[in-house]
Amino acid sequence: MAEKLATLSFSDGSPSIDFPVLAGTMRVVVTDTGHRVRVRMLPGQEIIHFEHAEPVLAHTLGASACHVREDRRSGYVWLDLEAYS
């Protein structure tokens, strides 16, 4: 699968973040408290890998906190990113 650059933009005027992703790996939903990002896990990844990286994901994506939860579809996780208030 070809790698491409994705942009995560914030509606509050925060700077956009560009990061490499595999095509079709994510979906972003804007909420009242931040963003929800659905990520397709790569072979060998498990939800626990994302749970252990919650603080790093929050910092990297410019959020005050990140909470990981399973998607109903196997192989996907949701990152619930809380915006700074």
PDB file of N, CA and C in Angstrom:
ATOM      1  N   MET A   1       0.832  -1.174   0.000  1.00  0.00           N
ATOM      2  CA  MET A   1       0.000   0.000   0.000  1.00  0.00           C
ATOM      3  C   MET A   1       0.882   1.243   0.000  1.00  0.00           C
ATOM      4  N   ALA A   2       0.513   2.218  -0.781  1.00  0.00           N
ATOM      5  CA  ALA A   2       1.306   3.441  -0.891  1.00  0.00           C
ATOM      6  C   ALA A   2       1.085   4.337   0.319  1.00  0.00           C
ATOM      7  N   GLU A   3       2.156   4.956   0.755  1.00  0.00           N
ATOM      8  CA  GLU A   3       2.058   5.893   1.876  1.00  0.00           C
ATOM      9  C   GLU A   3       1.723   7.268   1.336  1.00  0.00           C
ATOM     10  N   LYS A   4       0.892   8.005   2.058  1.00  0.00           N
ATOM     11  CA  LYS A   4       0.568   9.373   1.669  1.00  0.00           C
ATOM     12  C   LYS A   4       0.622  10.244   2.910  1.00  0.00           C
ATOM     13  N   LEU A   5       0.540  11.544   2.711  1.00  0.00           N
ATOM     14  CA  LEU A   5       0.568  12.483   3.818  1.00  0.00           C
ATOM     15  C   LEU A   5      -0.852  12.948   4.089  1.00  0.00           C
ATOM     16  N   ALA A   6      -1.299  12.847   5.327  1.00  0.00           N
ATOM     17  CA  ALA A   6      -2.634  13.290   5.718  1.00  0.00           C
ATOM     18  C   ALA A   6      -2.497  14.541   6.569  1.00  0.00           C
ATOM     19  N   THR A   7      -3.518  15.356   6.555  1.00  0.00           N
ATOM     20  CA  THR A   7      -3.529  16.572   7.359  1.00  0.00           C
ATOM     21  C   THR A   7      -4.681  16.510   8.337  1.00  0.00           C
ATOM     22  N   LEU A   8      -4.399  16.709   9.600  1.00  0.00           N
ATOM     23  CA  LEU A   8      -5.421  16.790  10.636  1.00  0.00           C
ATOM     24  C   LEU A   8      -5.580  18.269  10.956  1.00  0.00           C
ATOM     25  N   SER A   9      -6.742  18.824  10.605  1.00  0.00           N
ATOM     26  CA  SER A   9      -7.008  20.246  10.822  1.00  0.00           C
ATOM     27  C   SER A   9      -7.938  20.437  12.007  1.00  0.00           C
ATOM     28  N   PHE A  10      -7.758  21.507  12.729  1.00  0.00           N
ATOM     29  CA  PHE A  10      -8.552  21.787  13.909  1.00  0.00           C
ATOM     30  C   PHE A  10      -9.436  23.004  13.662  1.00  0.00           C
ATOM     31  N   SER A  11     -10.693  22.927  14.069  1.00  0.00           N
ATOM     32  CA  SER A  11     -11.641  24.017  13.830  1.00  0.00           C
ATOM     33  C   SER A  11     -11.405  25.214  14.755  1.00  0.00           C
ATOM     34  N   ASP A  12     -10.616  25.042  15.806  1.00  0.00           N
ATOM     35  CA  ASP A  12     -10.391  26.139  16.744  1.00  0.00           C
ATOM     36  C   ASP A  12      -9.228  27.048  16.332  1.00  0.00           C
ATOM     37  N   GLY A  13      -8.684  26.818  15.151  1.00  0.00           N
ATOM     38  CA  GLY A  13      -7.596  27.648  14.667  1.00  0.00           C
ATOM     39  C   GLY A  13      -6.212  27.138  15.020  1.00  0.00           C
ATOM     40  N   SER A  14      -6.115  26.015  15.731  1.00  0.00           N
ATOM     41  CA  SER A  14      -4.815  25.432  16.041  1.00  0.00           C
ATOM     42  C   SER A  14      -4.117  25.039  14.744  1.00  0.00           C
ATOM     43  N   PRO A  15      -2.784  25.012  14.737  1.00  0.00           N
ATOM     44  CA  PRO A  15      -2.079  24.638  13.505  1.00  0.00           C
ATOM     45  C   PRO A  15      -2.438  23.213  13.075  1.00  0.00           C
ATOM     46  N   SER A  16      -2.510  23.014  11.770  1.00  0.00           N
ATOM     47  CA  SER A  16      -2.761  21.685  11.224  1.00  0.00           C
ATOM     48  C   SER A  16      -1.539  20.808  11.438  1.00  0.00           C
ATOM     49  N   ILE A  17      -1.759  19.493  11.483  1.00  0.00           N
ATOM     50  CA  ILE A  17      -0.669  18.533  11.664  1.00  0.00           C
ATOM     51  C   ILE A  17      -0.650  17.615  10.450  1.00  0.00           C
ATOM     52  N   ASP A  18       0.504  17.510   9.788  1.00  0.00           N
ATOM     53  CA  ASP A  18       0.677  16.572   8.685  1.00  0.00           C
ATOM     54  C   ASP A  18       1.420  15.350   9.202  1.00  0.00           C
ATOM     55  N   PHE A  19       0.940  14.167   8.811  1.00  0.00           N
ATOM     56  CA  PHE A  19       1.604  12.939   9.228  1.00  0.00           C
ATOM     57  C   PHE A  19       1.361  11.857   8.187  1.00  0.00           C
ATOM     58  N   PRO A  20       2.311  10.915   8.051  1.00  0.00           N
ATOM     59  CA  PRO A  20       2.148   9.864   7.049  1.00  0.00           C
ATOM     60  C   PRO A  20       1.137   8.813   7.502  1.00  0.00           C
ATOM     61  N   VAL A  21       0.302   8.381   6.580  1.00  0.00           N
ATOM     62  CA  VAL A  21      -0.656   7.308   6.853  1.00  0.00           C
ATOM     63  C   VAL A  21      -0.740   6.410   5.631  1.00  0.00           C
ATOM     64  N   LEU A  22      -1.196   5.200   5.831  1.00  0.00           N
ATOM     65  CA  LEU A  22      -1.481   4.330   4.708  1.00  0.00           C
ATOM     66  C   LEU A  22      -2.855   4.693   4.181  1.00  0.00           C
ATOM     67  N   ALA A  23      -3.030   4.640   2.890  1.00  0.00           N
ATOM     68  CA  ALA A  23      -4.295   5.042   2.271  1.00  0.00           C
ATOM     69  C   ALA A  23      -5.465   4.326   2.925  1.00  0.00           C
ATOM     70  N   GLY A  24      -6.500   5.102   3.276  1.00  0.00           N
ATOM     71  CA  GLY A  24      -7.715   4.530   3.841  1.00  0.00           C
ATOM     72  C   GLY A  24      -7.623   4.091   5.284  1.00  0.00           C
ATOM     73  N   THR A  25      -6.632   4.571   6.023  1.00  0.00           N
ATOM     74  CA  THR A  25      -6.456   4.071   7.380  1.00  0.00           C
ATOM     75  C   THR A  25      -7.211   4.846   8.434  1.00  0.00           C
ATOM     76  N   MET A  26      -7.792   5.991   8.102  1.00  0.00           N
ATOM     77  CA  MET A  26      -8.399   6.753   9.177  1.00  0.00           C
ATOM     78  C   MET A  26      -9.645   7.499   8.750  1.00  0.00           C
ATOM     79  N   ARG A  27     -10.409   7.882   9.767  1.00  0.00           N
ATOM     80  CA  ARG A  27     -11.591   8.724   9.608  1.00  0.00           C
ATOM     81  C   ARG A  27     -11.580   9.690  10.772  1.00  0.00           C
ATOM     82  N   VAL A  28     -11.875  10.964  10.531  1.00  0.00           N
ATOM     83  CA  VAL A  28     -11.867  11.969  11.580  1.00  0.00           C
ATOM     84  C   VAL A  28     -13.285  12.500  11.758  1.00  0.00           C
ATOM     85  N   VAL A  29     -13.744  12.550  13.014  1.00  0.00           N
ATOM     86  CA  VAL A  29     -15.055  13.090  13.357  1.00  0.00           C
ATOM     87  C   VAL A  29     -14.842  14.215  14.360  1.00  0.00           C
ATOM     88  N   VAL A  30     -15.384  15.390  14.071  1.00  0.00           N
ATOM     89  CA  VAL A  30     -15.281  16.527  14.988  1.00  0.00           C
ATOM     90  C   VAL A  30     -16.420  16.426  15.996  1.00  0.00           C
ATOM     91  N   THR A  31     -16.096  16.584  17.292  1.00  0.00           N
ATOM     92  CA  THR A  31     -17.094  16.539  18.360  1.00  0.00           C
ATOM     93  C   THR A  31     -17.077  17.859  19.122  1.00  0.00           C
ATOM     94  N   ASP A  32     -17.991  18.000  20.080  1.00  0.00           N
ATOM     95  CA  ASP A  32     -18.035  19.212  20.903  1.00  0.00           C
ATOM     96  C   ASP A  32     -16.794  19.356  21.784  1.00  0.00           C
ATOM     97  N   THR A  33     -16.158  18.244  22.116  1.00  0.00           N
ATOM     98  CA  THR A  33     -15.028  18.280  23.044  1.00  0.00           C
ATOM     99  C   THR A  33     -13.683  18.030  22.384  1.00  0.00           C
ATOM    100  N   GLY A  34     -13.655  17.779  21.091  1.00  0.00           N
ATOM    101  CA  GLY A  34     -12.388  17.518  20.409  1.00  0.00           C
ATOM    102  C   GLY A  34     -12.602  16.790  19.098  1.00  0.00           C
ATOM    103  N   HIS A  35     -11.811  15.749  18.886  1.00  0.00           N
ATOM    104  CA  HIS A  35     -11.885  14.963  17.665  1.00  0.00           C
ATOM    105  C   HIS A  35     -11.876  13.472  17.998  1.00  0.00           C
ATOM    106  N   ARG A  36     -12.517  12.702  17.139  1.00  0.00           N
ATOM    107  CA  ARG A  36     -12.431  11.241  17.205  1.00  0.00           C
ATOM    108  C   ARG A  36     -11.783  10.792  15.908  1.00  0.00           C
ATOM    109  N   VAL A  37     -10.748   9.971  16.019  1.00  0.00           N
ATOM    110  CA  VAL A  37     -10.020   9.501  14.848  1.00  0.00           C
ATOM    111  C   VAL A  37     -10.057   7.974  14.837  1.00  0.00           C
ATOM    112  N   ARG A  38     -10.593   7.406  13.737  1.00  0.00           N
ATOM    113  CA  ARG A  38     -10.586   5.942  13.599  1.00  0.00           C
ATOM    114  C   ARG A  38      -9.345   5.555  12.809  1.00  0.00           C
ATOM    115  N   VAL A  39      -8.593   4.606  13.348  1.00  0.00           N
ATOM    116  CA  VAL A  39      -7.333   4.182  12.749  1.00  0.00           C
ATOM    117  C   VAL A  39      -7.383   2.680  12.493  1.00  0.00           C
ATOM    118  N   ARG A  40      -6.965   2.281  11.293  1.00  0.00           N
ATOM    119  CA  ARG A  40      -6.837   0.848  11.002  1.00  0.00           C
ATOM    120  C   ARG A  40      -5.478   0.395  11.501  1.00  0.00           C
ATOM    121  N   MET A  41      -5.470  -0.627  12.339  1.00  0.00           N
ATOM    122  CA  MET A  41      -4.222  -1.136  12.874  1.00  0.00           C
ATOM    123  C   MET A  41      -3.474  -1.932  11.805  1.00  0.00           C
ATOM    124  N   LEU A  42      -2.164  -1.872  11.883  1.00  0.00           N
ATOM    125  CA  LEU A  42      -1.324  -2.648  10.986  1.00  0.00           C
ATOM    126  C   LEU A  42      -1.207  -4.075  11.506  1.00  0.00           C
ATOM    127  N   PRO A  43      -0.849  -5.023  10.650  1.00  0.00           N
ATOM    128  CA  PRO A  43      -0.668  -6.407  11.126  1.00  0.00           C
ATOM    129  C   PRO A  43       0.308  -6.450  12.302  1.00  0.00           C
ATOM    130  N   GLY A  44      -0.062  -7.153  13.345  1.00  0.00           N
ATOM    131  CA  GLY A  44       0.774  -7.271  14.538  1.00  0.00           C
ATOM    132  C   GLY A  44       0.455  -6.256  15.621  1.00  0.00           C
ATOM    133  N   GLN A  45      -0.272  -5.197  15.293  1.00  0.00           N
ATOM    134  CA  GLN A  45      -0.648  -4.219  16.309  1.00  0.00           C
ATOM    135  C   GLN A  45      -1.881  -4.690  17.066  1.00  0.00           C
ATOM    136  N   GLU A  46      -1.943  -4.343  18.327  1.00  0.00           N
ATOM    137  CA  GLU A  46      -3.089  -4.642  19.173  1.00  0.00           C
ATOM    138  C   GLU A  46      -3.508  -3.365  19.878  1.00  0.00           C
ATOM    139  N   ILE A  47      -4.715  -3.346  20.382  1.00  0.00           N
ATOM    140  CA  ILE A  47      -5.233  -2.144  21.042  1.00  0.00           C
ATOM    141  C   ILE A  47      -4.339  -1.725  22.212  1.00  0.00           C
ATOM    142  N   ILE A  48      -3.721  -2.678  22.880  1.00  0.00           N
ATOM    143  CA  ILE A  48      -2.867  -2.345  24.024  1.00  0.00           C
ATOM    144  C   ILE A  48      -1.684  -1.468  23.602  1.00  0.00           C
ATOM    145  N   HIS A  49      -1.206  -1.622  22.371  1.00  0.00           N
ATOM    146  CA  HIS A  49      -0.118  -0.767  21.889  1.00  0.00           C
ATOM    147  C   HIS A  49      -0.562   0.694  21.846  1.00  0.00           C
ATOM    148  N   PHE A  50      -1.795   0.927  21.426  1.00  0.00           N
ATOM    149  CA  PHE A  50      -2.325   2.287  21.377  1.00  0.00           C
ATOM    150  C   PHE A  50      -2.628   2.806  22.785  1.00  0.00           C
ATOM    151  N   GLU A  51      -3.138   1.927  23.662  1.00  0.00           N
ATOM    152  CA  GLU A  51      -3.431   2.340  25.039  1.00  0.00           C
ATOM    153  C   GLU A  51      -2.170   2.787  25.760  1.00  0.00           C
ATOM    154  N   HIS A  52      -1.084   2.080  25.556  1.00  0.00           N
ATOM    155  CA  HIS A  52       0.180   2.466  26.197  1.00  0.00           C
ATOM    156  C   HIS A  52       0.721   3.774  25.639  1.00  0.00           C
ATOM    157  N   ALA A  53       0.328   4.124  24.421  1.00  0.00           N
ATOM    158  CA  ALA A  53       0.833   5.337  23.780  1.00  0.00           C
ATOM    159  C   ALA A  53      -0.114   6.531  23.923  1.00  0.00           C
ATOM    160  N   GLU A  54      -1.167   6.416  24.744  1.00  0.00           N
ATOM    161  CA  GLU A  54      -2.148   7.510  24.862  1.00  0.00           C
ATOM    162  C   GLU A  54      -1.513   8.869  25.156  1.00  0.00           C
ATOM    163  N   PRO A  55      -0.616   8.995  26.144  1.00  0.00           N
ATOM    164  CA  PRO A  55      -0.032  10.315  26.420  1.00  0.00           C
ATOM    165  C   PRO A  55       0.779  10.852  25.237  1.00  0.00           C
ATOM    166  N   VAL A  56       1.508   9.982  24.559  1.00  0.00           N
ATOM    167  CA  VAL A  56       2.314  10.399  23.416  1.00  0.00           C
ATOM    168  C   VAL A  56       1.417  10.807  22.251  1.00  0.00           C
ATOM    169  N   LEU A  57       0.351  10.040  22.012  1.00  0.00           N
ATOM    170  CA  LEU A  57      -0.590  10.389  20.948  1.00  0.00           C
ATOM    171  C   LEU A  57      -1.235  11.741  21.219  1.00  0.00           C
ATOM    172  N   ALA A  58      -1.642  11.983  22.459  1.00  0.00           N
ATOM    173  CA  ALA A  58      -2.253  13.266  22.811  1.00  0.00           C
ATOM    174  C   ALA A  58      -1.284  14.410  22.543  1.00  0.00           C
ATOM    175  N   HIS A  59      -0.061  14.260  23.010  1.00  0.00           N
ATOM    176  CA  HIS A  59       0.942  15.314  22.815  1.00  0.00           C
ATOM    177  C   HIS A  59       1.230  15.534  21.330  1.00  0.00           C
ATOM    178  N   THR A  60       1.434  14.462  20.595  1.00  0.00           N
ATOM    179  CA  THR A  60       1.772  14.550  19.172  1.00  0.00           C
ATOM    180  C   THR A  60       0.656  15.179  18.359  1.00  0.00           C
ATOM    181  N   LEU A  61      -0.594  14.858  18.704  1.00  0.00           N
ATOM    182  CA  LEU A  61      -1.736  15.361  17.945  1.00  0.00           C
ATOM    183  C   LEU A  61      -2.308  16.665  18.511  1.00  0.00           C
ATOM    184  N   GLY A  62      -1.626  17.245  19.511  1.00  0.00           N
ATOM    185  CA  GLY A  62      -2.019  18.551  20.030  1.00  0.00           C
ATOM    186  C   GLY A  62      -3.281  18.535  20.869  1.00  0.00           C
ATOM    187  N   ALA A  63      -3.537  17.430  21.555  1.00  0.00           N
ATOM    188  CA  ALA A  63      -4.732  17.304  22.388  1.00  0.00           C
ATOM    189  C   ALA A  63      -4.335  17.320  23.860  1.00  0.00           C
ATOM    190  N   SER A  64      -5.300  17.635  24.724  1.00  0.00           N
ATOM    191  CA  SER A  64      -5.007  17.610  26.157  1.00  0.00           C
ATOM    192  C   SER A  64      -5.020  16.186  26.692  1.00  0.00           C
ATOM    193  N   ALA A  65      -5.759  15.294  26.031  1.00  0.00           N
ATOM    194  CA  ALA A  65      -5.810  13.885  26.439  1.00  0.00           C
ATOM    195  C   ALA A  65      -6.239  13.037  25.247  1.00  0.00           C
ATOM    196  N   CYS A  66      -5.887  11.771  25.302  1.00  0.00           N
ATOM    197  CA  CYS A  66      -6.278  10.807  24.277  1.00  0.00           C
ATOM    198  C   CYS A  66      -6.771   9.552  24.979  1.00  0.00           C
ATOM    199  N   HIS A  67      -7.924   9.057  24.554  1.00  0.00           N
ATOM    200  CA  HIS A  67      -8.478   7.823  25.096  1.00  0.00           C
ATOM    201  C   HIS A  67      -8.724   6.871  23.928  1.00  0.00           C
ATOM    202  N   VAL A  68      -8.243   5.649  24.055  1.00  0.00           N
ATOM    203  CA  VAL A  68      -8.351   4.657  22.991  1.00  0.00           C
ATOM    204  C   VAL A  68      -9.503   3.715  23.301  1.00  0.00           C
ATOM    205  N   ARG A  69     -10.282   3.398  22.272  1.00  0.00           N
ATOM    206  CA  ARG A  69     -11.334   2.402  22.441  1.00  0.00           C
ATOM    207  C   ARG A  69     -11.460   1.595  21.161  1.00  0.00           C
ATOM    208  N   GLU A  70     -11.978   0.390  21.313  1.00  0.00           N
ATOM    209  CA  GLU A  70     -12.134  -0.509  20.176  1.00  0.00           C
ATOM    210  C   GLU A  70     -13.278  -0.075  19.282  1.00  0.00           C
ATOM    211  N   ASP A  71     -13.122  -0.293  17.999  1.00  0.00           N
ATOM    212  CA  ASP A  71     -14.199  -0.103  17.037  1.00  0.00           C
ATOM    213  C   ASP A  71     -14.968  -1.416  16.949  1.00  0.00           C
ATOM    214  N   ARG A  72     -16.201  -1.349  16.486  1.00  0.00           N
ATOM    215  CA  ARG A  72     -16.977  -2.587  16.364  1.00  0.00           C
ATOM    216  C   ARG A  72     -16.412  -3.486  15.271  1.00  0.00           C
ATOM    217  N   ARG A  73     -15.665  -2.892  14.344  1.00  0.00           N
ATOM    218  CA  ARG A  73     -15.016  -3.677  13.296  1.00  0.00           C
ATOM    219  C   ARG A  73     -13.638  -4.117  13.776  1.00  0.00           C
ATOM    220  N   SER A  74     -13.316  -5.346  13.558  1.00  0.00           N
ATOM    221  CA  SER A  74     -12.023  -5.883  13.957  1.00  0.00           C
ATOM    222  C   SER A  74     -10.897  -5.178  13.199  1.00  0.00           C
ATOM    223  N   GLY A  75      -9.821  -4.888  13.903  1.00  0.00           N
ATOM    224  CA  GLY A  75      -8.662  -4.275  13.275  1.00  0.00           C
ATOM    225  C   GLY A  75      -8.658  -2.759  13.280  1.00  0.00           C
ATOM    226  N   TYR A  76      -9.652  -2.139  13.929  1.00  0.00           N
ATOM    227  CA  TYR A  76      -9.737  -0.681  13.995  1.00  0.00           C
ATOM    228  C   TYR A  76      -9.831  -0.233  15.444  1.00  0.00           C
ATOM    229  N   VAL A  77      -9.278   0.953  15.726  1.00  0.00           N
ATOM    230  CA  VAL A  77      -9.424   1.579  17.036  1.00  0.00           C
ATOM    231  C   VAL A  77      -9.850   3.035  16.832  1.00  0.00           C
ATOM    232  N   TRP A  78     -10.489   3.594  17.837  1.00  0.00           N
ATOM    233  CA  TRP A  78     -10.837   5.017  17.861  1.00  0.00           C
ATOM    234  C   TRP A  78      -9.929   5.719  18.850  1.00  0.00           C
ATOM    235  N   LEU A  79      -9.408   6.859  18.462  1.00  0.00           N
ATOM    236  CA  LEU A  79      -8.672   7.744  19.357  1.00  0.00           C
ATOM    237  C   LEU A  79      -9.590   8.913  19.660  1.00  0.00           C
ATOM    238  N   ASP A  80     -10.024   9.040  20.915  1.00  0.00           N
ATOM    239  CA  ASP A  80     -10.847  10.171  21.338  1.00  0.00           C
ATOM    240  C   ASP A  80      -9.902  11.247  21.865  1.00  0.00           C
ATOM    241  N   LEU A  81      -9.759  12.328  21.104  1.00  0.00           N
ATOM    242  CA  LEU A  81      -8.819  13.398  21.439  1.00  0.00           C
ATOM    243  C   LEU A  81      -9.579  14.556  22.060  1.00  0.00           C
ATOM    244  N   GLU A  82      -9.209  14.919  23.280  1.00  0.00           N
ATOM    245  CA  GLU A  82      -9.846  16.031  23.964  1.00  0.00           C
ATOM    246  C   GLU A  82      -9.092  17.310  23.656  1.00  0.00           C
ATOM    247  N   ALA A  83      -9.822  18.347  23.268  1.00  0.00           N
ATOM    248  CA  ALA A  83      -9.206  19.644  22.949  1.00  0.00           C
ATOM    249  C   ALA A  83      -8.857  20.377  24.241  1.00  0.00           C
ATOM    250  N   TYR A  84      -7.835  21.221  24.156  1.00  0.00           N
ATOM    251  CA  TYR A  84      -7.525  22.104  25.286  1.00  0.00           C
ATOM    252  C   TYR A  84      -8.643  23.122  25.426  1.00  0.00           C
ATOM    253  N   SER A  85      -9.027  23.431  26.661  1.00  0.00           N
ATOM    254  CA  SER A  85     -10.109  24.422  26.840  1.00  0.00           C
ATOM    255  C   SER A  85      -9.554  25.768  27.209  1.00  0.00           C
TER     256      SER A  85
END
